[in-house]
Amino acid sequence: MRQLATYLRESKQILDTWDTYSDEHCDPETFEPLDEAAYGIRQRRRDTDTLNAFGRVYFHADVLVDTAEHQLARLPASSAARAHAWQIVELRTSTQKLYELHRQWLDLRGNLPEDAVPGTAAYDEPLAESRAEAWHYLDQWGIYGQALIDINAQAQKQARQHRSPEAPVKAPPPPEAAPTTPPAQR
């Protein structure tokens, strides 16, 4: 959950920075970029930064969603966390799409010409397109990821409330005093 919390914080910072840039570099009436090339470069930076931040969650995102779904099913119907059920669906869909886009990128990368290496347009352009496609799903994680933390907190709280208080542990009785004389022989 700490890794997810870190992603949520970082993705918010990235989005806030992007929003500020976009507000300052777009026409206020048409919302069109004032400089298309600079705007595109900055947009690619946003996509890359968000994907890099999600890297800490990526490989276990499906487990986080599965765990939250399992925890949610065990919470009482009246629980406030139950309102997060639809967000789990959104996160599951986003996770599946991110995994699919990653597989597509790996397939595409495997079919690039040998001279298509990082730093060349033949490599960087399809990579940027892949990251741009992923950004929406990464943003969904930024928007709805807090639901997993909330569900986990509610499940932990419920587990603490339902734990039976442990019986006090009694100290073992003191050992009987050792005989000072050996037992009599028969």
C-alpha atoms as a PDB file:
ATOM      1  CA  MET A   1       0.000   0.000   0.000  1.00  0.00           C
ATOM      2  CA  ARG A   2       2.929   2.337   0.601  1.00  0.00           C
ATOM      3  CA  GLN A   3       4.041   1.936  -3.010  1.00  0.00           C
ATOM      4  CA  LEU A   4       0.526   2.771  -4.179  1.00  0.00           C
ATOM      5  CA  ALA A   5       0.382   5.790  -1.873  1.00  0.00           C
ATOM      6  CA  THR A   6       3.705   6.973  -3.307  1.00  0.00           C
ATOM      7  CA  TYR A   7       2.355   6.593  -6.844  1.00  0.00           C
ATOM      8  CA  LEU A   8      -0.803   8.517  -5.952  1.00  0.00           C
ATOM      9  CA  ARG A   9       1.256  11.365  -4.521  1.00  0.00           C
ATOM     10  CA  GLU A  10       3.683  11.441  -7.467  1.00  0.00           C
ATOM     11  CA  SER A  11       0.982  11.158 -10.123  1.00  0.00           C
ATOM     12  CA  LYS A  12      -0.877  14.076  -8.528  1.00  0.00           C
ATOM     13  CA  GLN A  13       2.297  16.172  -8.596  1.00  0.00           C
ATOM     14  CA  ILE A  14       2.876  15.253 -12.245  1.00  0.00           C
ATOM     15  CA  LEU A  15      -0.714  16.090 -13.166  1.00  0.00           C
ATOM     16  CA  ASP A  16      -0.639  19.379 -11.235  1.00  0.00           C
ATOM     17  CA  THR A  17       2.563  20.358 -13.044  1.00  0.00           C
ATOM     18  CA  TRP A  18       0.996  19.397 -16.369  1.00  0.00           C
ATOM     19  CA  ASP A  19      -2.171  21.376 -15.643  1.00  0.00           C
ATOM     20  CA  THR A  20      -0.103  24.453 -14.796  1.00  0.00           C
ATOM     21  CA  TYR A  21       1.940  24.073 -17.980  1.00  0.00           C
ATOM     22  CA  SER A  22      -1.169  23.506 -20.078  1.00  0.00           C
ATOM     23  CA  ASP A  23      -2.940  26.533 -18.585  1.00  0.00           C
ATOM     24  CA  GLU A  24       0.066  28.743 -19.280  1.00  0.00           C
ATOM     25  CA  HIS A  25       0.786  27.450 -22.789  1.00  0.00           C
ATOM     26  CA  CYS A  26      -2.689  27.204 -24.313  1.00  0.00           C
ATOM     27  CA  ASP A  27      -4.954  29.884 -25.685  1.00  0.00           C
ATOM     28  CA  PRO A  28      -7.445  30.653 -22.882  1.00  0.00           C
ATOM     29  CA  GLU A  29     -10.399  30.773 -25.271  1.00  0.00           C
ATOM     30  CA  THR A  30      -9.689  27.940 -27.698  1.00  0.00           C
ATOM     31  CA  PHE A  31      -7.527  25.806 -25.370  1.00  0.00           C
ATOM     32  CA  GLU A  32      -5.243  25.188 -28.358  1.00  0.00           C
ATOM     33  CA  PRO A  33      -1.511  24.979 -27.607  1.00  0.00           C
ATOM     34  CA  LEU A  34       0.407  28.145 -28.397  1.00  0.00           C
ATOM     35  CA  ASP A  35       3.372  26.052 -29.593  1.00  0.00           C
ATOM     36  CA  GLU A  36       2.362  22.580 -30.792  1.00  0.00           C
ATOM     37  CA  ALA A  37       5.898  21.178 -30.775  1.00  0.00           C
ATOM     38  CA  ALA A  38       6.755  22.353 -27.258  1.00  0.00           C
ATOM     39  CA  TYR A  39       3.362  21.219 -26.005  1.00  0.00           C
ATOM     40  CA  GLY A  40       3.861  17.763 -27.524  1.00  0.00           C
ATOM     41  CA  ILE A  41       7.299  17.434 -25.933  1.00  0.00           C
ATOM     42  CA  ARG A  42       5.906  18.417 -22.530  1.00  0.00           C
ATOM     43  CA  GLN A  43       2.986  16.009 -22.964  1.00  0.00           C
ATOM     44  CA  ARG A  44       5.434  13.180 -23.679  1.00  0.00           C
ATOM     45  CA  ARG A  45       7.341  14.101 -20.519  1.00  0.00           C
ATOM     46  CA  ARG A  46       4.085  13.868 -18.524  1.00  0.00           C
ATOM     47  CA  ASP A  47       3.308  10.450 -20.013  1.00  0.00           C
ATOM     48  CA  THR A  48       6.813   9.143 -19.325  1.00  0.00           C
ATOM     49  CA  ASP A  49       6.952  10.521 -15.781  1.00  0.00           C
ATOM     50  CA  THR A  50       3.558   9.044 -14.930  1.00  0.00           C
ATOM     51  CA  LEU A  51       4.489   5.650 -16.352  1.00  0.00           C
ATOM     52  CA  ASN A  52       7.789   5.670 -14.466  1.00  0.00           C
ATOM     53  CA  ALA A  53       6.001   6.523 -11.222  1.00  0.00           C
ATOM     54  CA  PHE A  54       3.543   3.673 -11.813  1.00  0.00           C
ATOM     55  CA  GLY A  55       6.443   1.252 -12.224  1.00  0.00           C
ATOM     56  CA  ARG A  56       6.466   0.684  -8.458  1.00  0.00           C
ATOM     57  CA  VAL A  57       2.872  -0.607  -8.684  1.00  0.00           C
ATOM     58  CA  TYR A  58       2.748  -2.099 -12.190  1.00  0.00           C
ATOM     59  CA  PHE A  59       3.862  -5.655 -11.519  1.00  0.00           C
ATOM     60  CA  HIS A  60       1.430  -6.200  -8.653  1.00  0.00           C
ATOM     61  CA  ALA A  61      -1.433  -3.925  -9.716  1.00  0.00           C
ATOM     62  CA  ASP A  62      -3.660  -6.908 -10.481  1.00  0.00           C
ATOM     63  CA  VAL A  63      -2.945  -8.382  -7.030  1.00  0.00           C
ATOM     64  CA  LEU A  64      -3.841  -5.073  -5.377  1.00  0.00           C
ATOM     65  CA  VAL A  65      -7.159  -5.023  -7.222  1.00  0.00           C
ATOM     66  CA  ASP A  66      -7.870  -8.697  -6.448  1.00  0.00           C
ATOM     67  CA  THR A  67      -7.059  -8.171  -2.771  1.00  0.00           C
ATOM     68  CA  ALA A  68      -9.297  -5.112  -2.529  1.00  0.00           C
ATOM     69  CA  GLU A  69     -12.111  -6.997  -4.229  1.00  0.00           C
ATOM     70  CA  HIS A  70     -11.730  -9.867  -1.746  1.00  0.00           C
ATOM     71  CA  GLN A  71     -11.567  -7.468   1.210  1.00  0.00           C
ATOM     72  CA  LEU A  72     -14.601  -5.565  -0.025  1.00  0.00           C
ATOM     73  CA  ALA A  73     -16.643  -8.757  -0.296  1.00  0.00           C
ATOM     74  CA  ARG A  74     -15.940  -9.451   3.384  1.00  0.00           C
ATOM     75  CA  LEU A  75     -17.000  -6.014   4.599  1.00  0.00           C
ATOM     76  CA  PRO A  76     -20.556  -5.474   5.830  1.00  0.00           C
ATOM     77  CA  ALA A  77     -22.982  -4.151   3.225  1.00  0.00           C
ATOM     78  CA  SER A  78     -23.395  -1.027   5.343  1.00  0.00           C
ATOM     79  CA  SER A  79     -19.678  -0.264   5.232  1.00  0.00           C
ATOM     80  CA  ALA A  80     -18.701   3.062   3.709  1.00  0.00           C
ATOM     81  CA  ALA A  81     -15.992   1.237   1.758  1.00  0.00           C
ATOM     82  CA  ARG A  82     -18.682  -0.634  -0.202  1.00  0.00           C
ATOM     83  CA  ALA A  83     -19.192   2.563  -2.192  1.00  0.00           C
ATOM     84  CA  HIS A  84     -15.806   1.868  -3.794  1.00  0.00           C
ATOM     85  CA  ALA A  85     -16.990  -1.237  -5.687  1.00  0.00           C
ATOM     86  CA  TRP A  86     -17.330   0.571  -9.016  1.00  0.00           C
ATOM     87  CA  GLN A  87     -13.839   2.027  -8.599  1.00  0.00           C
ATOM     88  CA  ILE A  88     -12.427  -1.488  -8.341  1.00  0.00           C
ATOM     89  CA  VAL A  89     -14.046  -2.237 -11.700  1.00  0.00           C
ATOM     90  CA  GLU A  90     -12.395   0.866 -13.185  1.00  0.00           C
ATOM     91  CA  LEU A  91      -9.013  -0.131 -11.759  1.00  0.00           C
ATOM     92  CA  ARG A  92      -9.344  -3.707 -13.003  1.00  0.00           C
ATOM     93  CA  THR A  93     -10.148  -2.451 -16.519  1.00  0.00           C
ATOM     94  CA  SER A  94      -7.266   0.027 -16.414  1.00  0.00           C
ATOM     95  CA  THR A  95      -4.867  -2.661 -15.205  1.00  0.00           C
ATOM     96  CA  GLN A  96      -5.886  -5.033 -17.981  1.00  0.00           C
ATOM     97  CA  LYS A  97      -5.469  -2.264 -20.559  1.00  0.00           C
ATOM     98  CA  LEU A  98      -2.039  -1.338 -19.205  1.00  0.00           C
ATOM     99  CA  TYR A  99      -0.899  -4.961 -19.341  1.00  0.00           C
ATOM    100  CA  GLU A 100      -2.268  -5.253 -22.878  1.00  0.00           C
ATOM    101  CA  LEU A 101      -0.534  -2.056 -24.009  1.00  0.00           C
ATOM    102  CA  HIS A 102       2.732  -3.282 -22.495  1.00  0.00           C
ATOM    103  CA  ARG A 103       2.464  -6.575 -24.399  1.00  0.00           C
ATOM    104  CA  GLN A 104       1.706  -4.660 -27.600  1.00  0.00           C
ATOM    105  CA  TRP A 105       4.737  -2.431 -27.054  1.00  0.00           C
ATOM    106  CA  LEU A 106       6.982  -5.464 -26.490  1.00  0.00           C
ATOM    107  CA  ASP A 107       5.670  -7.066 -29.691  1.00  0.00           C
ATOM    108  CA  LEU A 108       6.128  -3.835 -31.644  1.00  0.00           C
ATOM    109  CA  ARG A 109       9.601  -3.267 -30.210  1.00  0.00           C
ATOM    110  CA  GLY A 110      10.576  -6.801 -31.171  1.00  0.00           C
ATOM    111  CA  ASN A 111       9.625  -6.059 -34.781  1.00  0.00           C
ATOM    112  CA  LEU A 112      11.433  -2.730 -35.098  1.00  0.00           C
ATOM    113  CA  PRO A 113      14.410  -2.559 -37.449  1.00  0.00           C
ATOM    114  CA  GLU A 114      17.772  -3.272 -35.831  1.00  0.00           C
ATOM    115  CA  ASP A 115      18.802   0.361 -36.137  1.00  0.00           C
ATOM    116  CA  ALA A 116      15.707   1.482 -34.197  1.00  0.00           C
ATOM    117  CA  VAL A 117      17.277   2.085 -30.809  1.00  0.00           C
ATOM    118  CA  PRO A 118      16.445   4.538 -28.024  1.00  0.00           C
ATOM    119  CA  GLY A 119      17.230   8.039 -29.216  1.00  0.00           C
ATOM    120  CA  THR A 120      16.135   7.401 -32.813  1.00  0.00           C
ATOM    121  CA  ALA A 121      12.781   8.462 -34.203  1.00  0.00           C
ATOM    122  CA  ALA A 122      12.116   4.882 -35.334  1.00  0.00           C
ATOM    123  CA  TYR A 123      12.169   3.828 -31.675  1.00  0.00           C
ATOM    124  CA  ASP A 124      11.093   6.942 -29.800  1.00  0.00           C
ATOM    125  CA  GLU A 125       7.966   7.680 -31.852  1.00  0.00           C
ATOM    126  CA  PRO A 126       6.235   4.316 -31.301  1.00  0.00           C
ATOM    127  CA  LEU A 127       7.340   4.383 -27.659  1.00  0.00           C
ATOM    128  CA  ALA A 128       5.781   7.823 -27.201  1.00  0.00           C
ATOM    129  CA  GLU A 129       2.567   6.638 -28.856  1.00  0.00           C
ATOM    130  CA  SER A 130       2.430   3.630 -26.535  1.00  0.00           C
ATOM    131  CA  ARG A 131       2.939   5.822 -23.487  1.00  0.00           C
ATOM    132  CA  ALA A 132       0.317   8.279 -24.703  1.00  0.00           C
ATOM    133  CA  GLU A 133      -2.181   5.423 -25.005  1.00  0.00           C
ATOM    134  CA  ALA A 134      -1.290   4.246 -21.498  1.00  0.00           C
ATOM    135  CA  TRP A 135      -1.638   7.672 -19.892  1.00  0.00           C
ATOM    136  CA  HIS A 136      -5.431   7.540 -19.585  1.00  0.00           C
ATOM    137  CA  TYR A 137      -5.251   4.245 -17.690  1.00  0.00           C
ATOM    138  CA  LEU A 138      -2.431   5.531 -15.497  1.00  0.00           C
ATOM    139  CA  ASP A 139      -4.558   8.570 -14.741  1.00  0.00           C
ATOM    140  CA  GLN A 140      -7.443   6.271 -13.769  1.00  0.00           C
ATOM    141  CA  TRP A 141      -5.113   4.721 -11.199  1.00  0.00           C
ATOM    142  CA  GLY A 142      -4.297   8.215  -9.966  1.00  0.00           C
ATOM    143  CA  ILE A 143      -7.979   9.036  -9.651  1.00  0.00           C
ATOM    144  CA  TYR A 144      -9.313   5.775  -8.191  1.00  0.00           C
ATOM    145  CA  GLY A 145      -6.272   4.182  -6.544  1.00  0.00           C
ATOM    146  CA  GLN A 146      -7.119   5.727  -3.179  1.00  0.00           C
ATOM    147  CA  ALA A 147     -10.124   3.378  -3.072  1.00  0.00           C
ATOM    148  CA  LEU A 148      -7.764   0.417  -2.587  1.00  0.00           C
ATOM    149  CA  ILE A 149      -6.114   2.126   0.365  1.00  0.00           C
ATOM    150  CA  ASP A 150      -9.512   3.008   1.857  1.00  0.00           C
ATOM    151  CA  ILE A 151     -10.818  -0.540   1.450  1.00  0.00           C
ATOM    152  CA  ASN A 152      -7.661  -1.966   3.003  1.00  0.00           C
ATOM    153  CA  ALA A 153      -7.936   0.424   5.955  1.00  0.00           C
ATOM    154  CA  GLN A 154     -11.582  -0.548   6.502  1.00  0.00           C
ATOM    155  CA  ALA A 155     -10.734  -4.259   6.269  1.00  0.00           C
ATOM    156  CA  GLN A 156      -7.892  -3.828   8.771  1.00  0.00           C
ATOM    157  CA  LYS A 157     -10.184  -1.925  11.122  1.00  0.00           C
ATOM    158  CA  GLN A 158     -12.827  -4.640  10.878  1.00  0.00           C
ATOM    159  CA  ALA A 159     -10.240  -7.339  11.533  1.00  0.00           C
ATOM    160  CA  ARG A 160      -9.076  -5.539  14.687  1.00  0.00           C
ATOM    161  CA  GLN A 161     -12.666  -5.127  15.906  1.00  0.00           C
ATOM    162  CA  HIS A 162     -13.537  -8.783  15.377  1.00  0.00           C
ATOM    163  CA  ARG A 163     -10.407 -10.186  16.943  1.00  0.00           C
ATOM    164  CA  SER A 164     -11.331 -11.809  20.214  1.00  0.00           C
ATOM    165  CA  PRO A 165      -9.399 -10.404  23.089  1.00  0.00           C
ATOM    166  CA  GLU A 166      -6.691 -12.795  23.988  1.00  0.00           C
ATOM    167  CA  ALA A 167      -6.993 -14.474  27.340  1.00  0.00           C
ATOM    168  CA  PRO A 168      -4.453 -13.120  29.730  1.00  0.00           C
ATOM    169  CA  VAL A 169      -1.393 -15.245  29.767  1.00  0.00           C
ATOM    170  CA  LYS A 170      -0.759 -16.640  33.225  1.00  0.00           C
ATOM    171  CA  ALA A 171       2.736 -17.190  34.383  1.00  0.00           C
ATOM    172  CA  PRO A 172       3.511 -20.857  34.869  1.00  0.00           C
ATOM    173  CA  PRO A 173       3.426 -21.984  38.478  1.00  0.00           C
ATOM    174  CA  PRO A 174       6.781 -21.814  40.173  1.00  0.00           C
ATOM    175  CA  PRO A 175       8.611 -25.113  40.111  1.00  0.00           C
ATOM    176  CA  GLU A 176       8.402 -27.151  43.240  1.00  0.00           C
ATOM    177  CA  ALA A 177      11.398 -26.744  45.396  1.00  0.00           C
ATOM    178  CA  ALA A 178      14.044 -29.269  44.566  1.00  0.00           C
ATOM    179  CA  PRO A 179      14.496 -31.823  47.332  1.00  0.00           C
ATOM    180  CA  THR A 180      17.492 -31.135  49.429  1.00  0.00           C
ATOM    181  CA  THR A 181      18.090 -34.810  50.050  1.00  0.00           C
ATOM    182  CA  PRO A 182      18.048 -37.594  47.514  1.00  0.00           C
ATOM    183  CA  PRO A 183      14.945 -39.761  47.477  1.00  0.00           C
ATOM    184  CA  ALA A 184      15.123 -42.784  49.752  1.00  0.00           C
ATOM    185  CA  GLN A 185      16.130 -45.990  48.091  1.00  0.00           C
ATOM    186  CA  ARG A 186      14.029 -49.080  48.581  1.00  0.00           C
END
